[in-house]
C-alpha atoms as a PDB file:
ATOM      1  CA  MET A   1     -20.692  -2.502   8.414  1.00  0.00           C
ATOM      2  CA  ILE A   2     -20.494   0.007   5.554  1.00  0.00           C
ATOM      3  CA  THR A   3     -23.534   1.610   3.927  1.00  0.00           C
ATOM      4  CA  CYS A   4     -23.441   3.101   0.433  1.00  0.00           C
ATOM      5  CA  VAL A   5     -26.286   5.444  -0.572  1.00  0.00           C
ATOM      6  CA  GLY A   6     -27.030   6.133  -4.234  1.00  0.00           C
ATOM      7  CA  ASN A   7     -29.040   4.567  -7.030  1.00  0.00           C
ATOM      8  CA  PRO A   8     -27.634   1.501  -8.792  1.00  0.00           C
ATOM      9  CA  VAL A   9     -27.578   1.950 -12.564  1.00  0.00           C
ATOM     10  CA  TYR A  10     -27.434  -0.351 -15.566  1.00  0.00           C
ATOM     11  CA  ASP A  11     -25.047   0.931 -18.226  1.00  0.00           C
ATOM     12  CA  TYR A  12     -23.804   0.215 -21.716  1.00  0.00           C
ATOM     13  CA  ILE A  13     -20.034   0.676 -21.795  1.00  0.00           C
ATOM     14  CA  GLU A  14     -17.727   0.962 -24.801  1.00  0.00           C
ATOM     15  CA  THR A  15     -13.974   1.574 -24.639  1.00  0.00           C
ATOM     16  CA  PRO A  16     -11.230   1.163 -27.263  1.00  0.00           C
ATOM     17  CA  TYR A  17     -10.646  -2.327 -25.790  1.00  0.00           C
ATOM     18  CA  TYR A  18     -14.049  -3.489 -24.553  1.00  0.00           C
ATOM     19  CA  LYS A  19     -17.787  -3.295 -25.203  1.00  0.00           C
ATOM     20  CA  THR A  20     -20.677  -4.719 -23.193  1.00  0.00           C
ATOM     21  CA  GLU A  21     -23.318  -6.722 -25.030  1.00  0.00           C
ATOM     22  CA  ASN A  22     -26.066  -5.707 -22.621  1.00  0.00           C
ATOM     23  CA  ARG A  23     -26.590  -3.140 -19.882  1.00  0.00           C
ATOM     24  CA  ILE A  24     -24.543  -4.047 -16.802  1.00  0.00           C
ATOM     25  CA  LEU A  25     -24.765  -3.151 -13.128  1.00  0.00           C
ATOM     26  CA  SER A  26     -22.781  -0.057 -12.119  1.00  0.00           C
ATOM     27  CA  GLY A  27     -23.117   3.223 -10.195  1.00  0.00           C
ATOM     28  CA  CYS A  28     -20.991   5.145  -7.693  1.00  0.00           C
ATOM     29  CA  SER A  29     -22.494   3.612  -4.572  1.00  0.00           C
ATOM     30  CA  THR A  30     -22.830   0.168  -6.134  1.00  0.00           C
ATOM     31  CA  ASN A  31     -19.224  -0.084  -7.291  1.00  0.00           C
ATOM     32  CA  ALA A  32     -17.848   1.100  -3.934  1.00  0.00           C
ATOM     33  CA  CYS A  33     -20.148  -1.355  -2.133  1.00  0.00           C
ATOM     34  CA  ILE A  34     -19.042  -4.289  -4.299  1.00  0.00           C
ATOM     35  CA  VAL A  35     -15.350  -3.475  -3.825  1.00  0.00           C
ATOM     36  CA  MET A  36     -15.653  -3.369  -0.042  1.00  0.00           C
ATOM     37  CA  ARG A  37     -17.647  -6.594  -0.035  1.00  0.00           C
ATOM     38  CA  LYS A  38     -14.866  -8.246  -2.068  1.00  0.00           C
ATOM     39  CA  LEU A  39     -12.517  -7.016   0.662  1.00  0.00           C
ATOM     40  CA  SER A  40     -14.668  -9.032   3.117  1.00  0.00           C
ATOM     41  CA  MET A  41     -16.534  -6.106   4.664  1.00  0.00           C
ATOM     42  CA  LYS A  42     -20.259  -6.270   5.367  1.00  0.00           C
ATOM     43  CA  THR A  43     -22.010  -3.792   3.084  1.00  0.00           C
ATOM     44  CA  ILE A  44     -25.506  -2.379   2.604  1.00  0.00           C
ATOM     45  CA  LEU A  45     -26.693  -0.621  -0.554  1.00  0.00           C
ATOM     46  CA  VAL A  46     -29.504   1.959  -0.396  1.00  0.00           C
ATOM     47  CA  GLY A  47     -31.260   3.271  -3.509  1.00  0.00           C
ATOM     48  CA  ASP A  48     -33.946   2.806  -6.155  1.00  0.00           C
ATOM     49  CA  VAL A  49     -34.107   0.276  -8.996  1.00  0.00           C
ATOM     50  CA  GLY A  50     -36.756   0.114 -11.724  1.00  0.00           C
ATOM     51  CA  ARG A  51     -39.020  -2.835 -12.320  1.00  0.00           C
ATOM     52  CA  ASP A  52     -37.123  -3.352 -15.611  1.00  0.00           C
ATOM     53  CA  PHE A  53     -34.006  -4.561 -13.759  1.00  0.00           C
ATOM     54  CA  ILE A  54     -35.220  -5.379 -10.249  1.00  0.00           C
ATOM     55  CA  GLU A  55     -34.979  -9.161 -10.651  1.00  0.00           C
ATOM     56  CA  ASP A  56     -31.514  -8.913 -12.191  1.00  0.00           C
ATOM     57  CA  PHE A  57     -30.504  -6.643  -9.326  1.00  0.00           C
ATOM     58  CA  LYS A  58     -31.708  -9.062  -6.654  1.00  0.00           C
ATOM     59  CA  LYS A  59     -29.811 -11.876  -8.363  1.00  0.00           C
ATOM     60  CA  ASN A  60     -26.645  -9.740  -8.535  1.00  0.00           C
ATOM     61  CA  MET A  61     -26.845  -8.821  -4.866  1.00  0.00           C
ATOM     62  CA  LYS A  62     -27.392 -12.437  -3.803  1.00  0.00           C
ATOM     63  CA  GLU A  63     -24.338 -13.547  -5.777  1.00  0.00           C
ATOM     64  CA  LEU A  64     -22.238 -10.703  -4.351  1.00  0.00           C
ATOM     65  CA  GLN A  65     -23.621 -11.176  -0.810  1.00  0.00           C
ATOM     66  CA  VAL A  66     -24.510  -7.496  -0.522  1.00  0.00           C
ATOM     67  CA  GLU A  67     -27.440  -6.531   1.698  1.00  0.00           C
ATOM     68  CA  TYR A  68     -29.761  -3.875   0.293  1.00  0.00           C
ATOM     69  CA  TYR A  69     -32.630  -1.525   1.031  1.00  0.00           C
ATOM     70  CA  ILE A  70     -34.052  -0.866  -2.415  1.00  0.00           C
ATOM     71  CA  LYS A  71     -37.273   0.867  -3.425  1.00  0.00           C
ATOM     72  CA  GLU A  72     -38.765  -0.259  -6.732  1.00  0.00           C
ATOM     73  CA  CYS A  73     -39.500   2.602  -9.130  1.00  0.00           C
ATOM     74  CA  LYS A  74     -40.735   3.047 -12.699  1.00  0.00           C
ATOM     75  CA  GLU A  75     -37.386   2.653 -14.461  1.00  0.00           C
ATOM     76  CA  SER A  76     -33.767   2.015 -13.566  1.00  0.00           C
ATOM     77  CA  GLY A  77     -31.143   4.662 -13.975  1.00  0.00           C
ATOM     78  CA  GLY A  78     -28.488   4.121 -16.577  1.00  0.00           C
ATOM     79  CA  PHE A  79     -26.091   5.640 -19.060  1.00  0.00           C
ATOM     80  CA  SER A  80     -24.444   4.813 -22.337  1.00  0.00           C
ATOM     81  CA  LEU A  81     -20.732   5.507 -21.844  1.00  0.00           C
ATOM     82  CA  LYS A  82     -18.302   5.670 -24.748  1.00  0.00           C
ATOM     83  CA  TYR A  83     -14.605   6.270 -24.094  1.00  0.00           C
ATOM     84  CA  PHE A  84     -12.131   7.515 -26.682  1.00  0.00           C
ATOM     85  CA  ASN A  85      -8.361   7.051 -27.026  1.00  0.00           C
ATOM     86  CA  ASN A  86      -7.688  10.676 -26.010  1.00  0.00           C
ATOM     87  CA  GLY A  87      -9.388  10.137 -22.631  1.00  0.00           C
ATOM     88  CA  ASP A  88     -12.650  11.897 -23.485  1.00  0.00           C
ATOM     89  CA  ARG A  89     -15.972  10.284 -22.608  1.00  0.00           C
ATOM     90  CA  GLU A  90     -19.428  10.546 -24.192  1.00  0.00           C
ATOM     91  CA  LEU A  91     -22.306  10.121 -21.738  1.00  0.00           C
ATOM     92  CA  LYS A  92     -25.946   9.580 -22.753  1.00  0.00           C
ATOM     93  CA  ILE A  93     -28.914   8.969 -20.458  1.00  0.00           C
ATOM     94  CA  LEU A  94     -30.762   5.659 -20.711  1.00  0.00           C
ATOM     95  CA  GLY A  95     -32.995   6.117 -17.683  1.00  0.00           C
ATOM     96  CA  ILE A  96     -33.477   8.064 -14.460  1.00  0.00           C
ATOM     97  CA  ALA A  97     -34.561   6.217 -11.317  1.00  0.00           C
ATOM     98  CA  GLY A  98     -36.528   7.641  -8.381  1.00  0.00           C
ATOM     99  CA  GLU A  99     -35.383   9.765  -5.449  1.00  0.00           C
ATOM    100  CA  ILE A 100     -34.014   8.404  -2.201  1.00  0.00           C
ATOM    101  CA  ASP A 101     -36.266  10.338   0.161  1.00  0.00           C
ATOM    102  CA  SER A 102     -35.470   8.545   3.433  1.00  0.00           C
ATOM    103  CA  PHE A 103     -32.851   6.327   5.003  1.00  0.00           C
ATOM    104  CA  PRO A 104     -33.388   3.165   7.075  1.00  0.00           C
ATOM    105  CA  GLU A 105     -32.517   3.607  10.756  1.00  0.00           C
ATOM    106  CA  LYS A 106     -30.400   0.450  10.602  1.00  0.00           C
ATOM    107  CA  ILE A 107     -27.675   2.234   8.649  1.00  0.00           C
ATOM    108  CA  LEU A 108     -26.966   4.427  11.697  1.00  0.00           C
ATOM    109  CA  LYS A 109     -25.123   1.395  13.126  1.00  0.00           C
ATOM    110  CA  SER A 110     -22.594   1.541  10.277  1.00  0.00           C
ATOM    111  CA  GLU A 111     -18.944   2.471  10.703  1.00  0.00           C
ATOM    112  CA  VAL A 112     -19.074   4.495   7.490  1.00  0.00           C
ATOM    113  CA  ILE A 113     -21.897   5.884   5.372  1.00  0.00           C
ATOM    114  CA  VAL A 114     -20.888   6.644   1.792  1.00  0.00           C
ATOM    115  CA  LEU A 115     -22.994   9.287   0.040  1.00  0.00           C
ATOM    116  CA  ALA A 116     -22.516   8.589  -3.662  1.00  0.00           C
ATOM    117  CA  PRO A 117     -25.475   9.699  -5.781  1.00  0.00           C
ATOM    118  CA  ILE A 118     -25.418   9.231  -9.534  1.00  0.00           C
ATOM    119  CA  LEU A 119     -27.801  12.056 -10.512  1.00  0.00           C
ATOM    120  CA  GLN A 120     -29.208  14.259  -7.714  1.00  0.00           C
ATOM    121  CA  GLU A 121     -31.271  11.412  -6.228  1.00  0.00           C
ATOM    122  CA  ILE A 122     -30.401  11.829  -2.537  1.00  0.00           C
ATOM    123  CA  ASN A 123     -33.335  13.833  -1.250  1.00  0.00           C
ATOM    124  CA  PHE A 124     -33.459  13.168   2.495  1.00  0.00           C
ATOM    125  CA  ASP A 125     -32.333  15.597   5.197  1.00  0.00           C
ATOM    126  CA  LEU A 126     -28.550  15.373   5.433  1.00  0.00           C
ATOM    127  CA  ASN A 127     -28.624  17.485   8.598  1.00  0.00           C
ATOM    128  CA  GLU A 128     -30.771  14.816  10.250  1.00  0.00           C
ATOM    129  CA  LEU A 129     -28.355  12.098   9.129  1.00  0.00           C
ATOM    130  CA  ARG A 130     -25.390  14.014  10.556  1.00  0.00           C
ATOM    131  CA  GLU A 131     -27.176  14.673  13.858  1.00  0.00           C
ATOM    132  CA  LYS A 132     -28.055  10.984  14.321  1.00  0.00           C
ATOM    133  CA  PHE A 133     -24.925   9.344  12.916  1.00  0.00           C
ATOM    134  CA  ARG A 134     -21.682   9.232  14.910  1.00  0.00           C
ATOM    135  CA  GLY A 135     -19.537   7.388  12.376  1.00  0.00           C
ATOM    136  CA  ILE A 136     -17.668   8.579   9.286  1.00  0.00           C
ATOM    137  CA  ILE A 137     -19.575  10.124   6.381  1.00  0.00           C
ATOM    138  CA  PHE A 138     -17.664   9.744   3.093  1.00  0.00           C
ATOM    139  CA  LEU A 139     -18.813  11.933   0.189  1.00  0.00           C
ATOM    140  CA  ASP A 140     -18.365  11.251  -3.504  1.00  0.00           C
ATOM    141  CA  PRO A 141     -19.896  14.492  -4.852  1.00  0.00           C
ATOM    142  CA  GLN A 142     -20.275  13.347  -8.467  1.00  0.00           C
ATOM    143  CA  GLY A 143     -24.052  13.057  -8.461  1.00  0.00           C
ATOM    144  CA  PHE A 144     -24.564  16.324  -6.571  1.00  0.00           C
ATOM    145  CA  LEU A 145     -22.860  18.167  -9.445  1.00  0.00           C
ATOM    146  CA  ARG A 146     -24.676  16.531 -12.356  1.00  0.00           C
ATOM    147  CA  TYR A 147     -27.677  18.167 -13.989  1.00  0.00           C
ATOM    148  CA  VAL A 148     -29.800  17.172 -16.973  1.00  0.00           C
ATOM    149  CA  GLU A 149     -30.371  19.948 -19.504  1.00  0.00           C
ATOM    150  CA  ASN A 150     -31.903  19.268 -22.922  1.00  0.00           C
ATOM    151  CA  GLY A 151     -31.237  15.583 -22.491  1.00  0.00           C
ATOM    152  CA  LYS A 152     -27.533  16.080 -21.771  1.00  0.00           C
ATOM    153  CA  ILE A 153     -25.539  15.686 -18.571  1.00  0.00           C
ATOM    154  CA  LEU A 154     -23.803  18.852 -17.414  1.00  0.00           C
ATOM    155  CA  ARG A 155     -21.503  19.445 -14.449  1.00  0.00           C
ATOM    156  CA  LYS A 156     -22.006  22.639 -12.504  1.00  0.00           C
ATOM    157  CA  LYS A 157     -21.594  23.813  -8.937  1.00  0.00           C
ATOM    158  CA  ASN A 158     -24.463  22.864  -6.677  1.00  0.00           C
ATOM    159  CA  PRO A 159     -25.413  25.920  -4.565  1.00  0.00           C
ATOM    160  CA  GLU A 160     -25.632  23.586  -1.545  1.00  0.00           C
ATOM    161  CA  ILE A 161     -22.327  21.788  -2.086  1.00  0.00           C
ATOM    162  CA  GLU A 162     -20.374  23.715   0.566  1.00  0.00           C
ATOM    163  CA  LYS A 163     -23.048  22.872   3.139  1.00  0.00           C
ATOM    164  CA  ILE A 164     -23.045  19.222   2.027  1.00  0.00           C
ATOM    165  CA  VAL A 165     -19.254  19.008   2.382  1.00  0.00           C
ATOM    166  CA  SER A 166     -19.466  20.570   5.863  1.00  0.00           C
ATOM    167  CA  LEU A 167     -21.632  17.638   7.015  1.00  0.00           C
ATOM    168  CA  CYS A 168     -19.109  15.035   5.822  1.00  0.00           C
ATOM    169  CA  ASP A 169     -15.815  13.773   7.216  1.00  0.00           C
ATOM    170  CA  ILE A 170     -14.114  12.768   3.967  1.00  0.00           C
ATOM    171  CA  VAL A 171     -14.778  14.221   0.503  1.00  0.00           C
ATOM    172  CA  LYS A 172     -13.387  12.754  -2.738  1.00  0.00           C
ATOM    173  CA  PRO A 173     -14.044  14.518  -6.048  1.00  0.00           C
ATOM    174  CA  ASN A 174     -12.098  13.777  -9.197  1.00  0.00           C
ATOM    175  CA  GLU A 175     -10.139  16.591 -10.823  1.00  0.00           C
ATOM    176  CA  TYR A 176     -13.051  17.841 -12.964  1.00  0.00           C
ATOM    177  CA  GLU A 177     -15.489  17.828 -10.062  1.00  0.00           C
ATOM    178  CA  ALA A 178     -12.949  19.571  -7.843  1.00  0.00           C
ATOM    179  CA  GLU A 179     -12.584  22.359 -10.389  1.00  0.00           C
ATOM    180  CA  VAL A 180     -16.362  22.776 -10.645  1.00  0.00           C
ATOM    181  CA  MET A 181     -16.587  22.933  -6.852  1.00  0.00           C
ATOM    182  CA  THR A 182     -13.621  25.221  -6.108  1.00  0.00           C
ATOM    183  CA  GLY A 183     -12.915  27.064  -9.337  1.00  0.00           C
ATOM    184  CA  ILE A 184      -9.318  25.797  -9.193  1.00  0.00           C
ATOM    185  CA  ASN A 185      -7.741  23.373 -11.687  1.00  0.00           C
ATOM    186  CA  PRO A 186      -6.066  20.785  -9.413  1.00  0.00           C
ATOM    187  CA  ARG A 187      -3.475  19.939 -12.052  1.00  0.00           C
ATOM    188  CA  LYS A 188      -2.249  23.527 -11.795  1.00  0.00           C
ATOM    189  CA  ASN A 189      -2.656  24.065  -8.050  1.00  0.00           C
ATOM    190  CA  TYR A 190      -3.905  21.028  -6.167  1.00  0.00           C
ATOM    191  CA  LYS A 191      -2.889  22.468  -2.800  1.00  0.00           C
ATOM    192  CA  ARG A 192      -5.239  25.441  -3.187  1.00  0.00           C
ATOM    193  CA  ALA A 193      -8.103  23.227  -4.398  1.00  0.00           C
ATOM    194  CA  LEU A 194      -7.650  20.926  -1.390  1.00  0.00           C
ATOM    195  CA  GLU A 195      -7.433  23.866   1.008  1.00  0.00           C
ATOM    196  CA  ILE A 196     -10.745  25.215  -0.266  1.00  0.00           C
ATOM    197  CA  LEU A 197     -12.475  21.846   0.101  1.00  0.00           C
ATOM    198  CA  TYR A 198     -11.042  21.437   3.602  1.00  0.00           C
ATOM    199  CA  SER A 199     -12.122  24.963   4.591  1.00  0.00           C
ATOM    200  CA  TRP A 200     -15.742  23.982   4.008  1.00  0.00           C
ATOM    201  CA  GLY A 201     -15.617  21.703   7.041  1.00  0.00           C
ATOM    202  CA  CYS A 202     -14.523  18.181   6.099  1.00  0.00           C
ATOM    203  CA  LYS A 203     -11.659  16.460   7.931  1.00  0.00           C
ATOM    204  CA  ILE A 204      -9.974  14.874   4.913  1.00  0.00           C
ATOM    205  CA  ALA A 205     -10.068  16.130   1.325  1.00  0.00           C
ATOM    206  CA  ILE A 206      -9.002  13.883  -1.556  1.00  0.00           C
ATOM    207  CA  ILE A 207      -8.712  14.687  -5.263  1.00  0.00           C
ATOM    208  CA  THR A 208      -8.106  11.913  -7.790  1.00  0.00           C
ATOM    209  CA  LEU A 209      -6.057  12.875 -10.849  1.00  0.00           C
ATOM    210  CA  ALA A 210      -6.433   9.906 -13.209  1.00  0.00           C
ATOM    211  CA  GLU A 211      -2.991   8.864 -14.526  1.00  0.00           C
ATOM    212  CA  LYS A 212      -1.305  11.338 -12.143  1.00  0.00           C
ATOM    213  CA  GLY A 213      -2.531   9.505  -9.047  1.00  0.00           C
ATOM    214  CA  SER A 214      -4.242  11.396  -6.224  1.00  0.00           C
ATOM    215  CA  VAL A 215      -3.612  13.992  -3.528  1.00  0.00           C
ATOM    216  CA  ILE A 216      -4.880  14.079   0.064  1.00  0.00           C
ATOM    217  CA  PHE A 217      -5.041  16.864   2.678  1.00  0.00           C
ATOM    218  CA  ASP A 218      -5.959  16.482   6.359  1.00  0.00           C
ATOM    219  CA  GLY A 219      -5.389  20.089   7.427  1.00  0.00           C
ATOM    220  CA  GLU A 220      -1.747  19.441   8.308  1.00  0.00           C
ATOM    221  CA  GLU A 221       0.010  17.807   5.376  1.00  0.00           C
ATOM    222  CA  PHE A 222      -0.449  17.372   1.643  1.00  0.00           C
ATOM    223  CA  VAL A 223       0.085  13.757   0.659  1.00  0.00           C
ATOM    224  CA  GLU A 224       0.829  12.782  -2.940  1.00  0.00           C
ATOM    225  CA  ILE A 225      -0.220   9.256  -3.920  1.00  0.00           C
ATOM    226  CA  PRO A 226       1.372   7.799  -7.071  1.00  0.00           C
ATOM    227  CA  PRO A 227      -0.763   5.967  -9.622  1.00  0.00           C
ATOM    228  CA  TYR A 228      -0.664   2.209  -9.814  1.00  0.00           C
ATOM    229  CA  ARG A 229       0.509   1.564 -13.368  1.00  0.00           C
ATOM    230  CA  THR A 230      -1.874  -0.596 -15.359  1.00  0.00           C
ATOM    231  CA  LYS A 231      -3.578  -0.806 -18.743  1.00  0.00           C
ATOM    232  CA  PRO A 232      -7.003   0.871 -18.373  1.00  0.00           C
ATOM    233  CA  ILE A 233      -9.223  -1.562 -20.269  1.00  0.00           C
ATOM    234  CA  ASP A 234     -12.340   0.053 -18.765  1.00  0.00           C
ATOM    235  CA  PRO A 235     -12.022   3.100 -16.451  1.00  0.00           C
ATOM    236  CA  THR A 236     -15.689   3.058 -15.413  1.00  0.00           C
ATOM    237  CA  GLY A 237     -15.940   3.099 -11.627  1.00  0.00           C
ATOM    238  CA  ALA A 238     -12.226   3.725 -11.013  1.00  0.00           C
ATOM    239  CA  GLY A 239     -12.982   6.503  -8.526  1.00  0.00           C
ATOM    240  CA  ASP A 240     -15.624   4.389  -6.793  1.00  0.00           C
ATOM    241  CA  THR A 241     -13.104   1.565  -6.470  1.00  0.00           C
ATOM    242  CA  TYR A 242     -10.543   4.001  -5.051  1.00  0.00           C
ATOM    243  CA  ALA A 243     -13.124   5.076  -2.455  1.00  0.00           C
ATOM    244  CA  GLY A 244     -13.782   1.487  -1.408  1.00  0.00           C
ATOM    245  CA  GLY A 245     -10.082   0.760  -1.038  1.00  0.00           C
ATOM    246  CA  PHE A 246      -9.435   3.957   0.899  1.00  0.00           C
ATOM    247  CA  ILE A 247     -12.227   3.285   3.384  1.00  0.00           C
ATOM    248  CA  PHE A 248     -11.106  -0.314   3.930  1.00  0.00           C
ATOM    249  CA  GLU A 249      -7.506   0.615   4.736  1.00  0.00           C
ATOM    250  CA  TYR A 250      -8.282   3.832   6.618  1.00  0.00           C
ATOM    251  CA  LEU A 251     -10.534   1.992   9.056  1.00  0.00           C
ATOM    252  CA  LYS A 252      -7.667  -0.393   9.813  1.00  0.00           C
ATOM    253  CA  LYS A 253      -4.779   2.054  10.146  1.00  0.00           C
ATOM    254  CA  LYS A 254      -6.149   5.636  10.316  1.00  0.00           C
ATOM    255  CA  ASP A 255      -3.189   6.631   8.116  1.00  0.00           C
ATOM    256  CA  ILE A 256      -4.021   8.686   5.006  1.00  0.00           C
ATOM    257  CA  TYR A 257      -0.794   7.771   3.187  1.00  0.00           C
ATOM    258  CA  GLU A 258      -1.264   4.027   3.668  1.00  0.00           C
ATOM    259  CA  ALA A 259      -4.967   4.327   2.813  1.00  0.00           C
ATOM    260  CA  GLY A 260      -4.155   6.316  -0.325  1.00  0.00           C
ATOM    261  CA  LEU A 261      -1.615   3.758  -1.505  1.00  0.00           C
ATOM    262  CA  PHE A 262      -4.035   0.901  -0.916  1.00  0.00           C
ATOM    263  CA  ALA A 263      -6.799   2.811  -2.728  1.00  0.00           C
ATOM    264  CA  SER A 264      -4.533   3.418  -5.721  1.00  0.00           C
ATOM    265  CA  CYS A 265      -3.678  -0.295  -5.940  1.00  0.00           C
ATOM    266  CA  THR A 266      -7.337  -1.267  -5.517  1.00  0.00           C
END
């Protein structure tokens, strides 16, 4: 059983090739959860959904066969995402859901707990989770690095991020998040960026590099994972999908190279 913690969101998405008509289900934890369920793993999603989308959410989860522990709040989180041909992305807030201030004891029976907030919503004691949980904690730090200022989303280093990483077994930022966290541009020196992440206490550090693939460090070797060549119709959730694929294969083989390859293909 895999548990993913982080608020589901409902987004508008526009790319040079694709545009949604209505807001659609997304989110770091949600996407990773759906991918692992499609790989036939039992998954649980923990977060908050607003009364505006709660019925749609329940219908989605029933169709996907994903179990959930969801607290209803005033409004659902969501973004308007617009991608441009040069790779840039415009992000606007459509809603901010409530905080996740506790976790159900049942998730302590999971093999892996994925911490994947979308916007600073995880507000329970991570020390308590680490003390009680003996499995793997996988961190997607995206939502711990996002802040809202004057209605805009900004990335900046969370003063607690080193402590958060120290409580996790695997950490997977993308290249921009890794630079915010470490001060090192991974495209210029990925080995140093990975070494810094690893020095904070995790067991495996991963950095995804978009069209350049990804790199992984376990304290002994640096592993380069090539990209799986494809036409990126919609890149939303690519990193979340990578996380789901990595977890699935790593649990089977405990081999970071094989897990990285599978994640890239996923």
